[in-house]
Amino acid sequence: MEHTLKLQPKYFDYINNGTKRIELRLYDEKRQKINIGDTIIFQKEPELETSMKVKVTGLLRYNTFEELFKDFDIKVLADNSMTKEELLNVLEEFYTAEKQKQYGVIGIRIEKI
């Protein structure tokens, strides 16, 4: 199955240059449809004209991003230019603590195709 997700330019570039190997999302209805072996087309915001395709190689379920961060280094979650605290703050702008509690979160292990 193929999925399409939008990404802010910085995170798109992290995946494109190979540092970000786990995409972080809320485990809502849309992400519950993602399975190992699926492909994801990431579109670079805001124009959505640039895209890349990745393969899903693993799915990591957690209750919160904070819990997930305990098991992984920042260099696979984003890039060494960020701290875990900075990335957590960005994620919480999109996904509130209430939403994380409601759905849980997922780390999508990816590799560029």
Foldseek 3Di string as FASTA:
>chain_A
DEEEDEDEQQQQVLQVVPQAFWEKDFQDPRVVPDDQQYKYWYAYPDVSPDIFIKGFHDKDWFLAVVVVPVVDDVRHRHHPVDHPVVVRVVVCVVAPNVSSNVGTMMITGIHTD
